[in-house]
Amino acid sequence: MSLIAGTVYFTRADQTYFLVTDQPKSQFFTVKMHRHQNETALGTLLSGLREELGIDPDCLRLGELGTWHTQGLETQDDLISLYTLELVDEKSLNMQRLRSVGMSFAQAKSVKDLIFNVDVTGVTRLD
């Protein structure tokens, strides 16, 4: 079993917002992946976003791929694959449902410590 993390983001008025939880500290949405036949990391993440958070995967576009260092950039022992997904339509979100499970959208500047623990240099960018 491995962990996969993801965040949904959107930009409004030159400000970027990321989907995070603040319990007990800012974290990206994380799901557990059990290695089953025909299961992929991205598929597991999208299923979690749909089933746990009520976010329609059809309203998302794959952005950057990277790794998230849960303990900071000093160690390689804590890496989790991270997918960033751009939200196409903000109106598709059920903000009340997100709040009920402890998730919210935070401005990038308010979660800068979390974002600084993301490393996108080791993966290929998809265009």
N, C-alpha and C. Protein backbone atom coordinates (compact mmCIF):
# COMPACT_ATOMS: atom_id res chain seq x y z
N MET A 1 0.84 -1.17 0.00
CA MET A 1 0.00 0.00 0.00
C MET A 1 0.89 1.24 0.00
N SER A 2 0.49 2.25 -0.76
CA SER A 2 1.23 3.50 -0.80
C SER A 2 0.25 4.66 -0.72
N LEU A 3 0.78 5.83 -0.42
CA LEU A 3 -0.03 7.03 -0.34
C LEU A 3 0.14 7.86 -1.59
N ILE A 4 -0.94 8.47 -2.04
CA ILE A 4 -0.94 9.37 -3.17
C ILE A 4 -1.61 10.65 -2.70
N ALA A 5 -1.03 11.79 -3.03
CA ALA A 5 -1.61 13.07 -2.62
C ALA A 5 -2.02 13.86 -3.85
N GLY A 6 -2.96 14.75 -3.64
CA GLY A 6 -3.40 15.62 -4.73
C GLY A 6 -3.98 16.90 -4.17
N THR A 7 -3.97 17.90 -5.00
CA THR A 7 -4.63 19.14 -4.65
C THR A 7 -5.32 19.68 -5.88
N VAL A 8 -6.44 20.33 -5.64
CA VAL A 8 -7.18 21.01 -6.70
C VAL A 8 -6.86 22.48 -6.53
N TYR A 9 -6.64 23.16 -7.63
CA TYR A 9 -6.33 24.59 -7.53
C TYR A 9 -7.11 25.37 -8.57
N PHE A 10 -7.31 26.64 -8.31
CA PHE A 10 -7.87 27.56 -9.28
C PHE A 10 -7.27 28.93 -9.03
N THR A 11 -7.35 29.78 -10.03
CA THR A 11 -6.81 31.13 -9.93
C THR A 11 -7.95 32.12 -10.13
N ARG A 12 -8.01 33.09 -9.22
CA ARG A 12 -9.01 34.14 -9.30
C ARG A 12 -8.31 35.46 -8.99
N ALA A 13 -8.45 36.44 -9.88
CA ALA A 13 -7.86 37.77 -9.69
C ALA A 13 -6.37 37.67 -9.33
N ASP A 14 -5.64 36.89 -10.10
CA ASP A 14 -4.19 36.73 -9.92
C ASP A 14 -3.79 36.07 -8.60
N GLN A 15 -4.73 35.47 -7.90
CA GLN A 15 -4.44 34.73 -6.67
C GLN A 15 -4.75 33.25 -6.90
N THR A 16 -3.82 32.38 -6.53
CA THR A 16 -4.04 30.95 -6.68
C THR A 16 -4.47 30.36 -5.34
N TYR A 17 -5.46 29.48 -5.40
CA TYR A 17 -6.02 28.83 -4.22
C TYR A 17 -5.82 27.33 -4.36
N PHE A 18 -5.41 26.69 -3.27
CA PHE A 18 -5.17 25.25 -3.24
C PHE A 18 -6.10 24.58 -2.24
N LEU A 19 -6.57 23.39 -2.59
CA LEU A 19 -7.41 22.61 -1.69
C LEU A 19 -6.52 21.95 -0.65
N VAL A 20 -6.76 22.27 0.62
CA VAL A 20 -5.97 21.73 1.73
C VAL A 20 -6.88 21.46 2.93
N THR A 21 -6.34 20.75 3.87
CA THR A 21 -6.97 20.60 5.17
C THR A 21 -6.03 21.20 6.20
N ASP A 22 -6.56 21.71 7.26
CA ASP A 22 -5.72 22.31 8.31
C ASP A 22 -5.76 21.50 9.59
N GLN A 23 -6.10 20.24 9.51
CA GLN A 23 -6.21 19.40 10.70
C GLN A 23 -5.13 18.33 10.68
N PRO A 24 -4.17 18.29 11.53
CA PRO A 24 -3.82 19.30 12.53
C PRO A 24 -3.02 20.44 11.96
N LYS A 25 -2.45 20.27 10.74
CA LYS A 25 -1.76 21.34 10.05
C LYS A 25 -2.09 21.20 8.57
N SER A 26 -1.75 22.20 7.78
CA SER A 26 -2.07 22.16 6.36
C SER A 26 -1.50 20.91 5.70
N GLN A 27 -2.34 20.21 4.99
CA GLN A 27 -1.97 18.99 4.28
C GLN A 27 -2.69 18.98 2.94
N PHE A 28 -2.15 18.27 1.98
CA PHE A 28 -2.86 18.01 0.74
C PHE A 28 -3.80 16.83 0.97
N PHE A 29 -4.80 16.68 0.11
CA PHE A 29 -5.70 15.54 0.17
C PHE A 29 -4.90 14.28 -0.15
N THR A 30 -5.01 13.27 0.67
CA THR A 30 -4.21 12.06 0.52
C THR A 30 -5.11 10.83 0.55
N VAL A 31 -4.86 9.89 -0.34
CA VAL A 31 -5.59 8.63 -0.36
C VAL A 31 -4.59 7.48 -0.31
N LYS A 32 -5.06 6.34 0.17
CA LYS A 32 -4.23 5.13 0.20
C LYS A 32 -4.50 4.32 -1.06
N MET A 33 -3.44 3.87 -1.67
CA MET A 33 -3.57 3.06 -2.88
C MET A 33 -3.18 1.63 -2.56
N HIS A 34 -4.11 0.73 -2.77
CA HIS A 34 -3.85 -0.70 -2.64
C HIS A 34 -3.57 -1.21 -4.05
N ARG A 35 -2.50 -1.90 -4.25
CA ARG A 35 -2.13 -2.37 -5.58
C ARG A 35 -3.06 -3.49 -6.04
N HIS A 36 -4.02 -3.14 -6.87
CA HIS A 36 -4.93 -4.11 -7.47
C HIS A 36 -4.75 -4.06 -8.98
N GLN A 37 -5.17 -5.10 -9.64
CA GLN A 37 -5.07 -5.12 -11.09
C GLN A 37 -5.88 -3.96 -11.65
N ASN A 38 -5.33 -3.27 -12.63
CA ASN A 38 -5.97 -2.15 -13.34
C ASN A 38 -6.15 -0.91 -12.48
N GLU A 39 -5.51 -0.81 -11.34
CA GLU A 39 -5.60 0.39 -10.51
C GLU A 39 -4.37 1.25 -10.75
N THR A 40 -4.58 2.54 -10.99
CA THR A 40 -3.48 3.47 -11.16
C THR A 40 -3.52 4.49 -10.04
N ALA A 41 -2.40 5.16 -9.82
CA ALA A 41 -2.34 6.19 -8.79
C ALA A 41 -3.32 7.32 -9.10
N LEU A 42 -3.32 7.80 -10.33
CA LEU A 42 -4.22 8.89 -10.70
C LEU A 42 -5.68 8.46 -10.58
N GLY A 43 -5.98 7.26 -11.01
CA GLY A 43 -7.35 6.75 -10.89
C GLY A 43 -7.81 6.66 -9.44
N THR A 44 -6.92 6.21 -8.57
CA THR A 44 -7.24 6.12 -7.15
C THR A 44 -7.50 7.50 -6.57
N LEU A 45 -6.67 8.47 -6.94
CA LEU A 45 -6.85 9.84 -6.47
C LEU A 45 -8.17 10.42 -6.96
N LEU A 46 -8.47 10.26 -8.23
CA LEU A 46 -9.72 10.80 -8.78
C LEU A 46 -10.94 10.15 -8.13
N SER A 47 -10.86 8.85 -7.86
CA SER A 47 -11.96 8.18 -7.16
C SER A 47 -12.14 8.76 -5.77
N GLY A 48 -11.05 9.01 -5.06
CA GLY A 48 -11.13 9.60 -3.74
C GLY A 48 -11.73 10.99 -3.76
N LEU A 49 -11.31 11.81 -4.73
CA LEU A 49 -11.87 13.15 -4.85
C LEU A 49 -13.37 13.10 -5.10
N ARG A 50 -13.81 12.16 -5.93
CA ARG A 50 -15.23 12.03 -6.24
C ARG A 50 -16.01 11.48 -5.05
N GLU A 51 -15.54 10.37 -4.49
CA GLU A 51 -16.31 9.69 -3.45
C GLU A 51 -16.23 10.37 -2.09
N GLU A 52 -15.06 10.85 -1.71
CA GLU A 52 -14.90 11.45 -0.38
C GLU A 52 -15.22 12.93 -0.35
N LEU A 53 -14.93 13.65 -1.45
CA LEU A 53 -15.09 15.11 -1.44
C LEU A 53 -16.21 15.60 -2.36
N GLY A 54 -16.75 14.73 -3.20
CA GLY A 54 -17.82 15.14 -4.10
C GLY A 54 -17.36 16.01 -5.25
N ILE A 55 -16.09 15.92 -5.64
CA ILE A 55 -15.57 16.72 -6.75
C ILE A 55 -15.63 15.87 -8.02
N ASP A 56 -16.29 16.39 -9.03
CA ASP A 56 -16.45 15.69 -10.30
C ASP A 56 -15.13 15.72 -11.07
N PRO A 57 -14.52 14.57 -11.34
CA PRO A 57 -13.25 14.54 -12.08
C PRO A 57 -13.34 15.17 -13.46
N ASP A 58 -14.55 15.23 -14.05
CA ASP A 58 -14.71 15.85 -15.36
C ASP A 58 -14.50 17.36 -15.31
N CYS A 59 -14.50 17.93 -14.11
CA CYS A 59 -14.28 19.37 -13.94
C CYS A 59 -12.83 19.69 -13.60
N LEU A 60 -11.94 18.72 -13.77
CA LEU A 60 -10.53 18.89 -13.42
C LEU A 60 -9.64 18.63 -14.63
N ARG A 61 -8.51 19.32 -14.67
CA ARG A 61 -7.50 19.09 -15.70
C ARG A 61 -6.17 18.85 -15.00
N LEU A 62 -5.47 17.81 -15.42
CA LEU A 62 -4.19 17.47 -14.81
C LEU A 62 -3.19 18.59 -15.04
N GLY A 63 -2.57 19.03 -13.96
CA GLY A 63 -1.56 20.08 -14.04
C GLY A 63 -0.18 19.48 -13.88
N GLU A 64 0.54 19.89 -12.86
CA GLU A 64 1.90 19.41 -12.61
C GLU A 64 1.88 18.08 -11.86
N LEU A 65 2.91 17.31 -12.11
CA LEU A 65 3.18 16.12 -11.31
C LEU A 65 4.40 16.44 -10.46
N GLY A 66 4.43 15.91 -9.29
CA GLY A 66 5.58 16.17 -8.43
C GLY A 66 5.60 15.21 -7.26
N THR A 67 6.43 15.53 -6.31
CA THR A 67 6.48 14.78 -5.06
C THR A 67 6.34 15.77 -3.92
N TRP A 68 5.76 15.31 -2.85
CA TRP A 68 5.53 16.13 -1.68
C TRP A 68 6.35 15.53 -0.55
N HIS A 69 7.20 16.33 0.03
CA HIS A 69 8.01 15.93 1.17
C HIS A 69 7.22 16.29 2.43
N THR A 70 6.64 15.31 3.08
CA THR A 70 5.81 15.59 4.25
C THR A 70 6.62 16.10 5.43
N GLN A 71 7.91 15.81 5.48
CA GLN A 71 8.76 16.24 6.58
C GLN A 71 9.66 17.42 6.22
N GLY A 72 9.55 17.93 5.02
CA GLY A 72 10.44 19.00 4.58
C GLY A 72 11.41 18.47 3.55
N LEU A 73 12.11 19.37 2.89
CA LEU A 73 12.98 18.98 1.78
C LEU A 73 14.29 18.34 2.20
N GLU A 74 14.56 18.26 3.49
CA GLU A 74 15.85 17.75 3.96
C GLU A 74 16.00 16.24 3.82
N THR A 75 14.91 15.51 3.75
CA THR A 75 14.97 14.05 3.72
C THR A 75 14.26 13.50 2.49
N GLN A 76 14.67 12.32 2.07
CA GLN A 76 14.03 11.63 0.95
C GLN A 76 13.14 10.49 1.43
N ASP A 77 13.01 10.32 2.75
CA ASP A 77 12.30 9.18 3.32
C ASP A 77 10.79 9.38 3.41
N ASP A 78 10.30 10.55 3.03
CA ASP A 78 8.91 10.90 3.29
C ASP A 78 8.16 11.29 2.02
N LEU A 79 8.63 10.85 0.87
CA LEU A 79 8.06 11.29 -0.40
C LEU A 79 6.70 10.65 -0.69
N ILE A 80 5.78 11.48 -1.15
CA ILE A 80 4.47 11.03 -1.60
C ILE A 80 4.25 11.62 -2.98
N SER A 81 3.79 10.82 -3.93
CA SER A 81 3.47 11.35 -5.25
C SER A 81 2.37 12.39 -5.12
N LEU A 82 2.53 13.51 -5.83
CA LEU A 82 1.57 14.60 -5.75
C LEU A 82 1.08 14.96 -7.14
N TYR A 83 -0.23 15.03 -7.28
CA TYR A 83 -0.87 15.45 -8.51
C TYR A 83 -1.56 16.78 -8.24
N THR A 84 -1.36 17.75 -9.13
CA THR A 84 -2.12 18.99 -9.03
C THR A 84 -3.14 18.99 -10.16
N LEU A 85 -4.35 19.34 -9.80
CA LEU A 85 -5.47 19.29 -10.74
C LEU A 85 -6.14 20.66 -10.79
N GLU A 86 -6.19 21.23 -11.99
CA GLU A 86 -6.79 22.55 -12.14
C GLU A 86 -8.30 22.41 -12.25
N LEU A 87 -9.00 23.23 -11.49
CA LEU A 87 -10.46 23.24 -11.51
C LEU A 87 -10.93 24.06 -12.69
N VAL A 88 -11.79 23.48 -13.52
CA VAL A 88 -12.29 24.16 -14.71
C VAL A 88 -13.46 25.07 -14.36
N ASP A 89 -14.33 24.62 -13.45
CA ASP A 89 -15.55 25.37 -13.13
C ASP A 89 -15.74 25.42 -11.62
N GLU A 90 -15.50 26.59 -11.01
CA GLU A 90 -15.65 26.74 -9.56
C GLU A 90 -17.07 26.43 -9.09
N LYS A 91 -18.05 26.69 -9.93
CA LYS A 91 -19.45 26.48 -9.56
C LYS A 91 -19.78 25.01 -9.35
N SER A 92 -18.92 24.13 -9.84
CA SER A 92 -19.16 22.69 -9.70
C SER A 92 -18.87 22.18 -8.29
N LEU A 93 -18.23 22.99 -7.47
CA LEU A 93 -17.84 22.57 -6.12
C LEU A 93 -18.99 22.68 -5.13
N ASN A 94 -19.05 21.74 -4.23
CA ASN A 94 -19.97 21.80 -3.10
C ASN A 94 -19.13 22.20 -1.89
N MET A 95 -19.01 23.52 -1.68
CA MET A 95 -18.14 24.03 -0.61
C MET A 95 -18.59 23.56 0.77
N GLN A 96 -19.87 23.41 0.97
CA GLN A 96 -20.37 22.95 2.27
C GLN A 96 -19.91 21.52 2.54
N ARG A 97 -19.96 20.68 1.53
CA ARG A 97 -19.48 19.31 1.70
C ARG A 97 -17.98 19.29 1.99
N LEU A 98 -17.21 20.12 1.28
CA LEU A 98 -15.77 20.19 1.53
C LEU A 98 -15.49 20.62 2.96
N ARG A 99 -16.19 21.64 3.44
CA ARG A 99 -16.00 22.10 4.82
C ARG A 99 -16.37 21.01 5.82
N SER A 100 -17.40 20.23 5.50
CA SER A 100 -17.85 19.20 6.44
C SER A 100 -16.81 18.09 6.64
N VAL A 101 -15.91 17.92 5.67
CA VAL A 101 -14.85 16.92 5.81
C VAL A 101 -13.50 17.58 6.10
N GLY A 102 -13.52 18.85 6.46
CA GLY A 102 -12.31 19.54 6.89
C GLY A 102 -11.43 20.08 5.78
N MET A 103 -11.97 20.21 4.58
CA MET A 103 -11.19 20.71 3.46
C MET A 103 -11.63 22.14 3.13
N SER A 104 -10.69 22.93 2.63
CA SER A 104 -11.01 24.28 2.19
C SER A 104 -9.98 24.72 1.17
N PHE A 105 -10.26 25.82 0.49
CA PHE A 105 -9.31 26.40 -0.44
C PHE A 105 -8.57 27.53 0.26
N ALA A 106 -7.26 27.47 0.22
CA ALA A 106 -6.42 28.47 0.87
C ALA A 106 -5.56 29.17 -0.17
N GLN A 107 -5.36 30.46 0.02
CA GLN A 107 -4.47 31.20 -0.87
C GLN A 107 -3.07 30.63 -0.77
N ALA A 108 -2.37 30.64 -1.88
CA ALA A 108 -1.01 30.10 -1.91
C ALA A 108 -0.13 30.73 -0.85
N LYS A 109 -0.27 32.03 -0.63
CA LYS A 109 0.60 32.70 0.35
C LYS A 109 0.33 32.23 1.78
N SER A 110 -0.86 31.71 2.06
CA SER A 110 -1.14 31.26 3.42
C SER A 110 -0.69 29.82 3.66
N VAL A 111 -0.37 29.10 2.61
CA VAL A 111 0.14 27.72 2.76
C VAL A 111 1.51 27.58 2.12
N LYS A 112 2.29 28.67 2.15
CA LYS A 112 3.59 28.66 1.48
C LYS A 112 4.53 27.61 2.06
N ASP A 113 4.47 27.34 3.37
CA ASP A 113 5.33 26.30 3.95
C ASP A 113 5.01 24.93 3.34
N LEU A 114 3.74 24.67 3.11
CA LEU A 114 3.32 23.41 2.49
C LEU A 114 3.80 23.36 1.04
N ILE A 115 3.62 24.44 0.32
CA ILE A 115 4.01 24.47 -1.09
C ILE A 115 5.52 24.37 -1.26
N PHE A 116 6.28 24.93 -0.33
CA PHE A 116 7.74 24.84 -0.42
C PHE A 116 8.23 23.41 -0.27
N ASN A 117 7.40 22.50 0.24
CA ASN A 117 7.78 21.10 0.40
C ASN A 117 7.43 20.26 -0.83
N VAL A 118 7.05 20.92 -1.93
CA VAL A 118 6.74 20.23 -3.17
C VAL A 118 7.93 20.33 -4.11
N ASP A 119 8.28 19.20 -4.71
CA ASP A 119 9.41 19.14 -5.63
C ASP A 119 8.90 18.67 -6.99
N VAL A 120 8.96 19.53 -8.00
CA VAL A 120 8.55 19.16 -9.34
C VAL A 120 9.73 18.99 -10.28
N THR A 121 10.94 19.06 -9.75
CA THR A 121 12.11 18.99 -10.63
C THR A 121 12.42 17.59 -11.12
N GLY A 122 11.92 16.57 -10.45
CA GLY A 122 12.27 15.21 -10.83
C GLY A 122 11.28 14.55 -11.74
N VAL A 123 10.27 15.27 -12.22
CA VAL A 123 9.26 14.67 -13.09
C VAL A 123 9.12 15.48 -14.37
N THR A 124 8.62 14.84 -15.37
CA THR A 124 8.41 15.49 -16.66
C THR A 124 7.12 16.28 -16.64
N ARG A 125 7.13 17.46 -17.19
CA ARG A 125 5.93 18.29 -17.28
C ARG A 125 5.10 17.81 -18.46
N LEU A 126 3.79 17.70 -18.25
CA LEU A 126 2.88 17.33 -19.33
C LEU A 126 2.33 18.60 -19.95
N ASP A 127 2.40 18.71 -21.26
CA ASP A 127 1.84 19.87 -21.97
C ASP A 127 0.59 19.47 -22.70
